[in-house]
Amino acid sequence: MTSAGDVIPLLSIRKNVSYDPYAALRFPEFRNLIVGSFLITTALLIQEVVLGYELYRLTHDPLVLGFLGLAEAIPFIGLALFGGYLADRRDKRTLMQQALLVIIAGSVILTWATLPSTQQHLSQTAMLLIAYGVIALLGLARGIFSPAAASLKPFLVPREHYGNSSTWSSTFWQAGAIVGPGCAGFLYAGVGFTGTLLLVIAMLALNFVLISRIAKRPVPASPTQENLWASLREGLRYVFNQKIILYAISLDMFSVLFGGVVAILPIFADDILGVGAQGLGILRAAPAVGAMLTVIYCSYNPPLQKAWRNLLLAVLGFGLATLVFALSKSFWLSVVALFFTGACDSISVVIRQTVLQVMPPDHLRGRVVAVNSIFISSSNELGAFESGSAARLMGTVPSVLFGAGMTLFTVGWIWRKSKDLFAVRLS
């Protein structure tokens, strides 16, 4: 493990010029990348929300929602490290385009399956198998797309603007996370399941156009010519030897794995709060609204001084807000609690993304980002499976209370183990 003293020189950024909150946005290719991020995030979240709601209406089984997360997590985790390996050795833009074509194909298959003429010949079991198959295909494509996109970003802005680019990248991602769930319920009610999926395909196609407007970048030369498995081990070794990276992504993984409630929000919307599809859209959008407003604040006031303290406090706040949500019987109190889960999570994202941009060398960044993506996927998609399974076994509200308690325990444990990181500054 490296000590805090080893980390500080790597993460210090000189303040010899006045801070420009819009610095990263002044680079056109970076703008194309983050607008594309907004589009793909919005599109896939719209698809996720309407698909989850449709399947729950058909089955009324929380485990069906959990299996949706598992169907995406397993192929993503299985391919992400290889995706990071490719991102370090091949053109990142081309990898993103190829993966996006697979994602578009998956959405086309799902749209075909929902056509009235097709549904006449499909049983409920067949529909579930098609849905899980498409989600698994998306997981495979994301295993290539995510490391390539994340490792391309540092090549689009100068090093001194990495923190600012992380903030704006998070802002556009969170904007998509607001618009997607917020619109999903209304689109489902207005144009139906199939019409909503056609809009998803159009947004993905527009993202493909934006990616095509980014120039190819030279592939950084690796100092060693290792084989595939040795190369993957090098990326894993780097992450596990950098204490601040390991603890930062572990915090995110365990807090969202146990404390995340997004996957089971259809149960809260239908059975506990009784607010239907439109209410589900508001509940899904609330964390992203909190996140985006917080990220905009962070663009003017970066949380990078006393970064480790801020990260731990943010995850602590996430756990407490999840506890309030579990106990709430009021729709608007539930919305406020979800708002604060997003606000706290966004602080964690800004700090973690800055670390991941600044620390890894260029020839390792794709693999380091891939390891991070595996942790994030474990927290999100496997967290969805954990949420659905726990809701079925323990009951919906007890499962969320358990998750909040595990989040608070994780923060306390890592707080004790990482006191040497409190001196780290990212600005």
Protein backbone atom coordinates (compact mmCIF):
# COMPACT_ATOMS: atom_id res chain seq x y z
CA MET A 1 0.00 0.00 0.00
CA THR A 2 1.14 3.55 -0.60
CA SER A 3 1.10 5.99 2.25
CA ALA A 4 -0.67 9.33 2.25
CA GLY A 5 2.73 10.94 1.84
CA ASP A 6 3.21 9.01 -1.41
CA VAL A 7 -0.17 10.09 -2.73
CA ILE A 8 -0.16 13.81 -1.97
CA PRO A 9 2.52 14.79 -4.51
CA LEU A 10 0.68 12.87 -7.23
CA LEU A 11 -2.61 14.58 -6.52
CA SER A 12 -1.50 18.13 -5.87
CA ILE A 13 -2.53 20.59 -8.57
CA ARG A 14 -0.95 24.00 -8.49
CA LYS A 15 -3.25 26.99 -8.22
CA ASN A 16 -1.21 29.47 -10.20
CA VAL A 17 -4.18 30.71 -12.22
CA SER A 18 -7.68 31.78 -11.24
CA TYR A 19 -10.16 28.93 -11.20
CA ASP A 20 -12.34 28.69 -14.31
CA PRO A 21 -15.50 26.62 -13.63
CA TYR A 22 -16.14 26.21 -17.38
CA ALA A 23 -12.58 25.28 -18.39
CA ALA A 24 -13.29 21.74 -19.62
CA LEU A 25 -16.36 22.84 -21.59
CA ARG A 26 -14.16 25.01 -23.80
CA PHE A 27 -12.88 21.88 -25.59
CA PRO A 28 -15.32 20.81 -28.37
CA GLU A 29 -14.45 17.12 -28.36
CA PHE A 30 -14.97 16.92 -24.61
CA ARG A 31 -18.38 18.54 -25.13
CA ASN A 32 -19.24 15.89 -27.74
CA LEU A 33 -18.26 13.16 -25.31
CA ILE A 34 -20.31 14.40 -22.37
CA VAL A 35 -23.36 15.30 -24.48
CA GLY A 36 -23.15 11.75 -25.81
CA SER A 37 -22.92 10.55 -22.22
CA PHE A 38 -26.11 12.46 -21.46
CA LEU A 39 -27.89 10.85 -24.41
CA ILE A 40 -26.85 7.26 -23.71
CA THR A 41 -27.56 7.64 -19.98
CA THR A 42 -31.00 9.11 -20.67
CA ALA A 43 -31.85 6.48 -23.27
CA LEU A 44 -30.76 3.44 -21.28
CA LEU A 45 -32.43 4.66 -18.09
CA ILE A 46 -35.70 5.29 -19.93
CA GLN A 47 -35.44 1.75 -21.29
CA GLU A 48 -34.56 0.34 -17.86
CA VAL A 49 -37.44 2.06 -16.08
CA VAL A 50 -40.16 1.13 -18.57
CA LEU A 51 -38.87 -2.42 -18.92
CA GLY A 52 -38.74 -2.93 -15.16
CA TYR A 53 -42.20 -1.44 -14.70
CA GLU A 54 -43.67 -3.52 -17.52
CA LEU A 55 -42.20 -6.75 -16.19
CA TYR A 56 -43.32 -6.03 -12.62
CA ARG A 57 -46.85 -5.31 -13.86
CA LEU A 58 -46.83 -8.63 -15.67
CA THR A 59 -45.43 -10.73 -12.81
CA HIS A 60 -45.71 -8.76 -9.52
CA ASP A 61 -42.54 -10.57 -8.46
CA PRO A 62 -39.68 -8.50 -6.92
CA LEU A 63 -37.20 -11.18 -7.95
CA VAL A 64 -37.89 -10.40 -11.61
CA LEU A 65 -36.45 -6.91 -11.00
CA GLY A 66 -33.45 -8.41 -9.27
CA PHE A 67 -32.74 -10.75 -12.19
CA LEU A 68 -32.69 -7.76 -14.55
CA GLY A 69 -29.72 -6.38 -12.62
CA LEU A 70 -28.03 -9.78 -12.48
CA ALA A 71 -28.49 -10.32 -16.23
CA GLU A 72 -26.50 -7.17 -16.94
CA ALA A 73 -23.92 -7.49 -14.16
CA ILE A 74 -22.57 -10.95 -14.97
CA PRO A 75 -21.57 -10.29 -18.60
CA PHE A 76 -20.34 -6.78 -17.77
CA ILE A 77 -18.10 -7.97 -14.95
CA GLY A 78 -16.88 -10.86 -17.08
CA LEU A 79 -15.81 -8.57 -19.93
CA ALA A 80 -14.87 -5.27 -18.27
CA LEU A 81 -11.24 -6.12 -17.53
CA PHE A 82 -10.74 -7.27 -21.11
CA GLY A 83 -12.48 -4.06 -22.20
CA GLY A 84 -9.93 -2.09 -20.20
CA TYR A 85 -7.14 -4.08 -21.83
CA LEU A 86 -8.51 -3.19 -25.28
CA ALA A 87 -8.94 0.47 -24.30
CA ASP A 88 -5.24 0.65 -23.44
CA ARG A 89 -4.16 -0.91 -26.74
CA ARG A 90 -6.67 0.12 -29.42
CA ASP A 91 -8.42 3.24 -30.63
CA LYS A 92 -10.93 4.19 -27.96
CA ARG A 93 -13.35 5.95 -30.29
CA THR A 94 -13.67 2.89 -32.53
CA LEU A 95 -14.30 0.64 -29.53
CA MET A 96 -17.06 2.98 -28.35
CA GLN A 97 -18.70 2.98 -31.78
CA GLN A 98 -18.62 -0.80 -32.08
CA ALA A 99 -20.08 -1.26 -28.59
CA LEU A 100 -22.77 1.32 -29.27
CA LEU A 101 -23.88 -0.53 -32.41
CA VAL A 102 -24.40 -3.64 -30.25
CA ILE A 103 -26.43 -1.59 -27.75
CA ILE A 104 -28.61 -0.22 -30.56
CA ALA A 105 -29.13 -3.75 -31.90
CA GLY A 106 -30.27 -4.89 -28.45
CA SER A 107 -32.82 -2.08 -28.23
CA VAL A 108 -34.10 -2.96 -31.70
CA ILE A 109 -34.62 -6.58 -30.60
CA LEU A 110 -36.50 -5.42 -27.50
CA THR A 111 -38.68 -3.12 -29.62
CA TRP A 112 -39.49 -5.99 -31.98
CA ALA A 113 -40.47 -8.19 -29.04
CA THR A 114 -42.97 -5.60 -27.80
CA LEU A 115 -44.81 -5.15 -31.12
CA PRO A 116 -48.45 -6.34 -30.83
CA SER A 117 -47.94 -8.71 -33.76
CA THR A 118 -44.97 -10.28 -31.99
CA GLN A 119 -46.55 -10.46 -28.53
CA GLN A 120 -49.40 -12.57 -29.91
CA HIS A 121 -46.90 -15.39 -30.31
CA LEU A 122 -44.91 -14.88 -27.09
CA SER A 123 -45.65 -16.36 -23.69
CA GLN A 124 -44.74 -14.53 -20.49
CA THR A 125 -41.73 -16.80 -20.07
CA ALA A 126 -40.54 -16.07 -23.61
CA MET A 127 -40.89 -12.32 -23.02
CA LEU A 128 -38.81 -12.59 -19.84
CA LEU A 129 -36.12 -14.58 -21.62
CA ILE A 130 -35.90 -12.02 -24.42
CA ALA A 131 -35.69 -9.17 -21.89
CA TYR A 132 -32.93 -10.90 -19.92
CA GLY A 133 -31.08 -11.77 -23.13
CA VAL A 134 -31.13 -8.15 -24.34
CA ILE A 135 -29.99 -6.86 -20.96
CA ALA A 136 -27.13 -9.39 -20.98
CA LEU A 137 -26.16 -8.15 -24.46
CA LEU A 138 -26.13 -4.58 -23.14
CA GLY A 139 -23.90 -5.70 -20.28
CA LEU A 140 -21.38 -7.16 -22.73
CA ALA A 141 -21.38 -3.98 -24.80
CA ARG A 142 -20.96 -1.80 -21.72
CA GLY A 143 -17.96 -3.89 -20.75
CA ILE A 144 -16.25 -2.46 -23.85
CA PHE A 145 -17.90 0.98 -24.00
CA SER A 146 -17.37 2.13 -20.41
CA PRO A 147 -13.57 1.64 -20.10
CA ALA A 148 -13.03 3.13 -23.57
CA ALA A 149 -15.15 6.23 -22.84
CA ALA A 150 -13.69 6.82 -19.38
CA SER A 151 -10.09 6.39 -20.54
CA LEU A 152 -10.65 8.66 -23.56
CA LYS A 153 -11.76 11.61 -21.43
CA PRO A 154 -8.29 12.56 -20.08
CA PHE A 155 -7.02 12.84 -23.69
CA LEU A 156 -9.60 15.53 -24.50
CA VAL A 157 -8.61 18.13 -21.87
CA PRO A 158 -5.27 19.28 -20.41
CA ARG A 159 -4.18 17.67 -17.13
CA GLU A 160 -4.79 20.83 -15.08
CA HIS A 161 -8.49 20.60 -15.97
CA TYR A 162 -9.02 16.96 -14.96
CA GLY A 163 -10.93 17.90 -11.79
CA ASN A 164 -13.15 20.32 -13.71
CA SER A 165 -13.79 17.74 -16.45
CA SER A 166 -14.82 15.19 -13.79
CA THR A 167 -17.31 17.68 -12.41
CA TRP A 168 -18.87 18.44 -15.79
CA SER A 169 -18.85 14.81 -16.82
CA SER A 170 -20.77 14.01 -13.65
CA THR A 171 -23.15 16.91 -14.29
CA PHE A 172 -24.12 15.69 -17.76
CA TRP A 173 -24.37 12.10 -16.57
CA GLN A 174 -26.62 13.17 -13.71
CA ALA A 175 -28.69 15.30 -16.07
CA GLY A 176 -29.33 12.16 -18.09
CA ALA A 177 -30.14 10.30 -14.88
CA ILE A 178 -32.79 12.96 -14.16
CA VAL A 179 -34.31 13.25 -17.60
CA GLY A 180 -34.39 9.49 -18.22
CA PRO A 181 -36.36 8.30 -15.19
CA GLY A 182 -38.35 11.55 -15.02
CA CYS A 183 -39.62 11.15 -18.58
CA ALA A 184 -39.94 7.38 -18.57
CA GLY A 185 -43.23 7.14 -16.71
CA PHE A 186 -44.85 9.88 -18.79
CA LEU A 187 -43.55 8.40 -22.06
CA TYR A 188 -44.84 4.98 -21.03
CA ALA A 189 -48.29 6.46 -20.33
CA GLY A 190 -48.26 8.66 -23.44
CA VAL A 191 -46.76 6.65 -26.30
CA GLY A 192 -46.64 3.15 -24.84
CA PHE A 193 -43.80 0.71 -24.33
CA THR A 194 -42.91 0.30 -28.02
CA GLY A 195 -43.04 4.03 -28.78
CA THR A 196 -40.76 4.74 -25.84
CA LEU A 197 -38.21 2.21 -27.09
CA LEU A 198 -38.20 3.81 -30.56
CA LEU A 199 -37.21 7.10 -28.92
CA VAL A 200 -34.43 5.26 -27.08
CA ILE A 201 -33.04 3.99 -30.39
CA ALA A 202 -33.07 7.51 -31.87
CA MET A 203 -31.11 8.90 -28.91
CA LEU A 204 -28.52 6.12 -29.14
CA ALA A 205 -28.08 6.83 -32.86
CA LEU A 206 -27.48 10.53 -32.14
CA ASN A 207 -24.82 9.55 -29.61
CA PHE A 208 -23.10 7.53 -32.33
CA VAL A 209 -22.93 10.67 -34.49
CA LEU A 210 -21.38 12.70 -31.65
CA ILE A 211 -18.74 10.06 -30.96
CA SER A 212 -17.85 10.06 -34.66
CA ARG A 213 -16.95 13.76 -34.36
CA ILE A 214 -14.12 12.98 -31.92
CA ALA A 215 -10.76 12.50 -33.60
CA LYS A 216 -8.78 9.33 -33.10
CA ARG A 217 -6.00 9.55 -30.53
CA PRO A 218 -2.62 7.78 -30.60
CA VAL A 219 -2.54 4.65 -28.47
CA PRO A 220 -0.09 5.21 -25.55
CA ALA A 221 2.91 2.91 -25.76
CA SER A 222 3.11 0.36 -22.96
CA PRO A 223 6.53 0.15 -21.26
CA THR A 224 6.21 -3.66 -21.31
CA GLN A 225 4.85 -6.11 -23.88
CA GLU A 226 2.94 -8.42 -21.57
CA ASN A 227 0.46 -11.06 -22.59
CA LEU A 228 -3.25 -10.58 -21.90
CA TRP A 229 -3.39 -12.18 -18.45
CA ALA A 230 -0.21 -10.51 -17.23
CA SER A 231 -1.57 -7.20 -18.46
CA LEU A 232 -4.86 -7.66 -16.61
CA ARG A 233 -3.00 -8.59 -13.44
CA GLU A 234 -0.95 -5.41 -13.77
CA GLY A 235 -4.13 -3.31 -13.72
CA LEU A 236 -5.52 -5.19 -10.70
CA ARG A 237 -2.20 -4.93 -8.88
CA TYR A 238 -2.07 -1.19 -9.40
CA VAL A 239 -5.55 -0.68 -7.94
CA PHE A 240 -4.92 -2.87 -4.90
CA ASN A 241 -1.57 -1.15 -4.23
CA GLN A 242 -3.09 2.34 -4.27
CA LYS A 243 -4.89 2.71 -0.97
CA ILE A 244 -6.93 5.78 -1.88
CA ILE A 245 -8.27 4.17 -5.07
CA LEU A 246 -9.06 0.85 -3.39
CA TYR A 247 -10.91 2.40 -0.45
CA ALA A 248 -12.76 4.95 -2.61
CA ILE A 249 -14.23 2.37 -4.96
CA SER A 250 -14.88 -0.04 -2.06
CA LEU A 251 -16.95 2.63 -0.32
CA ASP A 252 -19.07 3.08 -3.41
CA MET A 253 -19.47 -0.64 -4.02
CA PHE A 254 -20.62 -1.62 -0.55
CA SER A 255 -22.83 1.42 0.04
CA VAL A 256 -24.80 1.02 -3.19
CA LEU A 257 -24.68 -2.79 -3.14
CA PHE A 258 -26.49 -2.84 0.21
CA GLY A 259 -28.03 0.63 0.42
CA GLY A 260 -29.27 1.14 -3.14
CA VAL A 261 -33.05 1.09 -3.57
CA VAL A 262 -33.45 2.05 -7.23
CA ALA A 263 -34.20 -1.48 -8.46
CA ILE A 264 -37.16 -1.95 -6.10
CA LEU A 265 -38.72 1.48 -6.56
CA PRO A 266 -41.54 -0.04 -8.67
CA ILE A 267 -42.60 -1.89 -5.50
CA PHE A 268 -42.62 1.33 -3.49
CA ALA A 269 -44.47 3.16 -6.27
CA ASP A 270 -47.20 0.53 -6.67
CA ASP A 271 -47.56 -1.27 -3.34
CA ILE A 272 -46.30 1.08 -0.59
CA LEU A 273 -46.81 4.67 -1.76
CA GLY A 274 -49.50 3.97 -4.37
CA VAL A 275 -48.34 6.57 -6.90
CA GLY A 276 -48.20 4.54 -10.14
CA ALA A 277 -45.98 5.02 -13.18
CA GLN A 278 -45.83 8.83 -12.95
CA GLY A 279 -44.87 8.66 -9.29
CA LEU A 280 -42.24 6.07 -10.14
CA GLY A 281 -40.72 8.53 -12.61
CA ILE A 282 -40.49 11.18 -9.90
CA LEU A 283 -38.98 8.74 -7.41
CA ARG A 284 -36.40 7.57 -9.98
CA ALA A 285 -35.53 11.16 -10.91
CA ALA A 286 -35.20 12.47 -7.35
CA PRO A 287 -31.68 11.08 -6.66
CA ALA A 288 -30.44 12.45 -9.97
CA VAL A 289 -31.92 15.91 -9.28
CA GLY A 290 -30.07 16.00 -5.98
CA ALA A 291 -26.92 14.76 -7.67
CA MET A 292 -26.98 17.26 -10.51
CA LEU A 293 -27.62 20.27 -8.28
CA THR A 294 -24.80 19.16 -6.01
CA VAL A 295 -22.44 18.60 -8.92
CA ILE A 296 -23.20 22.08 -10.27
CA TYR A 297 -22.36 23.47 -6.82
CA CYS A 298 -19.16 21.40 -6.86
CA SER A 299 -18.15 22.93 -10.19
CA TYR A 300 -17.79 26.26 -8.35
CA ASN A 301 -16.73 24.80 -4.99
CA PRO A 302 -14.83 21.55 -5.67
CA PRO A 303 -14.88 19.12 -2.70
CA LEU A 304 -11.21 18.32 -3.24
CA GLN A 305 -9.71 19.97 -0.18
CA LYS A 306 -10.02 17.53 2.73
CA ALA A 307 -11.17 15.13 0.04
CA TRP A 308 -11.10 11.93 2.09
CA ARG A 309 -13.10 13.46 4.93
CA ASN A 310 -15.65 14.77 2.42
CA LEU A 311 -15.90 11.36 0.75
CA LEU A 312 -16.60 9.57 4.03
CA LEU A 313 -19.15 12.17 5.11
CA ALA A 314 -20.90 11.90 1.76
CA VAL A 315 -21.28 8.13 2.04
CA LEU A 316 -22.44 8.53 5.65
CA GLY A 317 -25.12 10.96 4.42
CA PHE A 318 -26.14 8.46 1.75
CA GLY A 319 -26.73 5.80 4.40
CA LEU A 320 -28.74 8.12 6.65
CA ALA A 321 -30.93 9.30 3.74
CA THR A 322 -31.58 5.66 2.79
CA LEU A 323 -32.67 5.00 6.38
CA VAL A 324 -35.18 7.87 6.20
CA PHE A 325 -36.52 6.55 2.89
CA ALA A 326 -37.07 3.08 4.35
CA LEU A 327 -39.12 4.48 7.25
CA SER A 328 -41.10 7.02 5.22
CA LYS A 329 -44.80 6.55 4.52
CA SER A 330 -45.11 9.90 2.74
CA PHE A 331 -44.48 10.19 -0.99
CA TRP A 332 -42.85 13.62 -0.76
CA LEU A 333 -40.68 12.69 2.24
CA SER A 334 -39.54 9.68 0.22
CA VAL A 335 -38.71 11.98 -2.70
CA VAL A 336 -36.68 14.26 -0.40
CA ALA A 337 -34.79 11.30 1.07
CA LEU A 338 -33.95 10.02 -2.42
CA PHE A 339 -32.88 13.56 -3.37
CA PHE A 340 -30.28 13.49 -0.60
CA THR A 341 -29.04 10.02 -1.56
CA GLY A 342 -28.21 11.47 -4.97
CA ALA A 343 -26.68 14.64 -3.54
CA CYS A 344 -24.35 12.65 -1.29
CA ASP A 345 -23.48 10.13 -3.98
CA SER A 346 -22.48 12.88 -6.44
CA ILE A 347 -19.80 14.18 -4.07
CA SER A 348 -18.34 10.69 -3.96
CA VAL A 349 -18.41 10.49 -7.76
CA VAL A 350 -16.56 13.79 -8.27
CA ILE A 351 -13.80 12.85 -5.82
CA ARG A 352 -13.41 9.30 -7.13
CA GLN A 353 -13.35 10.33 -10.81
CA THR A 354 -10.70 12.96 -10.12
CA VAL A 355 -8.50 10.37 -8.42
CA LEU A 356 -8.97 7.95 -11.34
CA GLN A 357 -7.95 10.60 -13.87
CA VAL A 358 -4.95 12.00 -12.01
CA MET A 359 -3.24 8.94 -10.57
CA PRO A 360 -3.00 6.14 -13.18
CA PRO A 361 -0.35 6.44 -15.93
CA ASP A 362 -1.73 6.72 -19.47
CA HIS A 363 -0.82 3.17 -20.45
CA LEU A 364 -2.71 1.74 -17.43
CA ARG A 365 -5.73 4.02 -17.24
CA GLY A 366 -8.09 1.81 -19.26
CA ARG A 367 -7.46 -1.19 -17.03
CA VAL A 368 -7.73 0.86 -13.83
CA VAL A 369 -11.01 2.34 -15.04
CA ALA A 370 -12.19 -1.18 -15.92
CA VAL A 371 -11.50 -2.37 -12.36
CA ASN A 372 -13.43 0.64 -11.09
CA SER A 373 -16.27 -0.21 -13.49
CA ILE A 374 -16.42 -3.74 -12.09
CA PHE A 375 -16.80 -2.34 -8.58
CA ILE A 376 -19.49 0.09 -9.78
CA SER A 377 -21.32 -2.63 -11.70
CA SER A 378 -21.15 -4.83 -8.62
CA SER A 379 -22.77 -2.06 -6.61
CA ASN A 380 -25.42 -1.16 -9.19
CA GLU A 381 -26.44 -4.29 -11.09
CA LEU A 382 -25.58 -6.85 -8.40
CA GLY A 383 -27.09 -4.40 -5.93
CA ALA A 384 -30.30 -4.60 -7.96
CA PHE A 385 -30.26 -8.38 -7.61
CA GLU A 386 -29.52 -8.08 -3.88
CA SER A 387 -32.40 -5.59 -3.49
CA GLY A 388 -34.91 -7.79 -5.31
CA SER A 389 -33.81 -10.93 -3.48
CA ALA A 390 -33.77 -9.25 -0.06
CA ALA A 391 -37.18 -7.68 -0.68
CA ARG A 392 -38.62 -11.09 -1.46
CA LEU A 393 -36.97 -12.83 1.51
CA MET A 394 -37.16 -10.12 4.19
CA GLY A 395 -39.90 -7.84 2.96
CA THR A 396 -39.37 -4.57 1.10
CA VAL A 397 -38.98 -2.14 4.01
CA PRO A 398 -36.86 -4.45 6.24
CA SER A 399 -34.51 -5.08 3.31
CA VAL A 400 -33.91 -1.33 2.88
CA LEU A 401 -33.35 -0.89 6.62
CA PHE A 402 -30.79 -3.69 6.50
CA GLY A 403 -29.03 -2.04 3.54
CA ALA A 404 -28.86 1.33 5.29
CA GLY A 405 -27.35 -0.30 8.37
CA MET A 406 -24.71 -2.09 6.28
CA THR A 407 -23.79 1.21 4.60
CA LEU A 408 -23.25 2.94 7.93
CA PHE A 409 -21.17 0.00 9.16
CA THR A 410 -18.99 0.15 6.02
CA VAL A 411 -18.31 3.86 6.50
CA GLY A 412 -17.30 3.31 10.12
CA TRP A 413 -14.98 0.43 9.26
CA ILE A 414 -13.19 2.25 6.42
CA TRP A 415 -13.00 5.45 8.52
CA ARG A 416 -10.94 3.54 11.09
CA LYS A 417 -8.72 1.91 8.44
CA SER A 418 -7.90 5.05 6.43
CA LYS A 419 -6.93 7.78 8.88
CA ASP A 420 -3.66 8.40 7.01
CA LEU A 421 -5.66 9.54 3.96
CA PHE A 422 -7.23 12.52 5.74
CA ALA A 423 -4.19 14.61 4.78
CA VAL A 424 -4.71 14.03 1.04
CA ARG A 425 -5.71 17.04 -1.05
CA LEU A 426 -6.84 16.85 -4.65
CA SER A 427 -6.53 20.59 -5.26
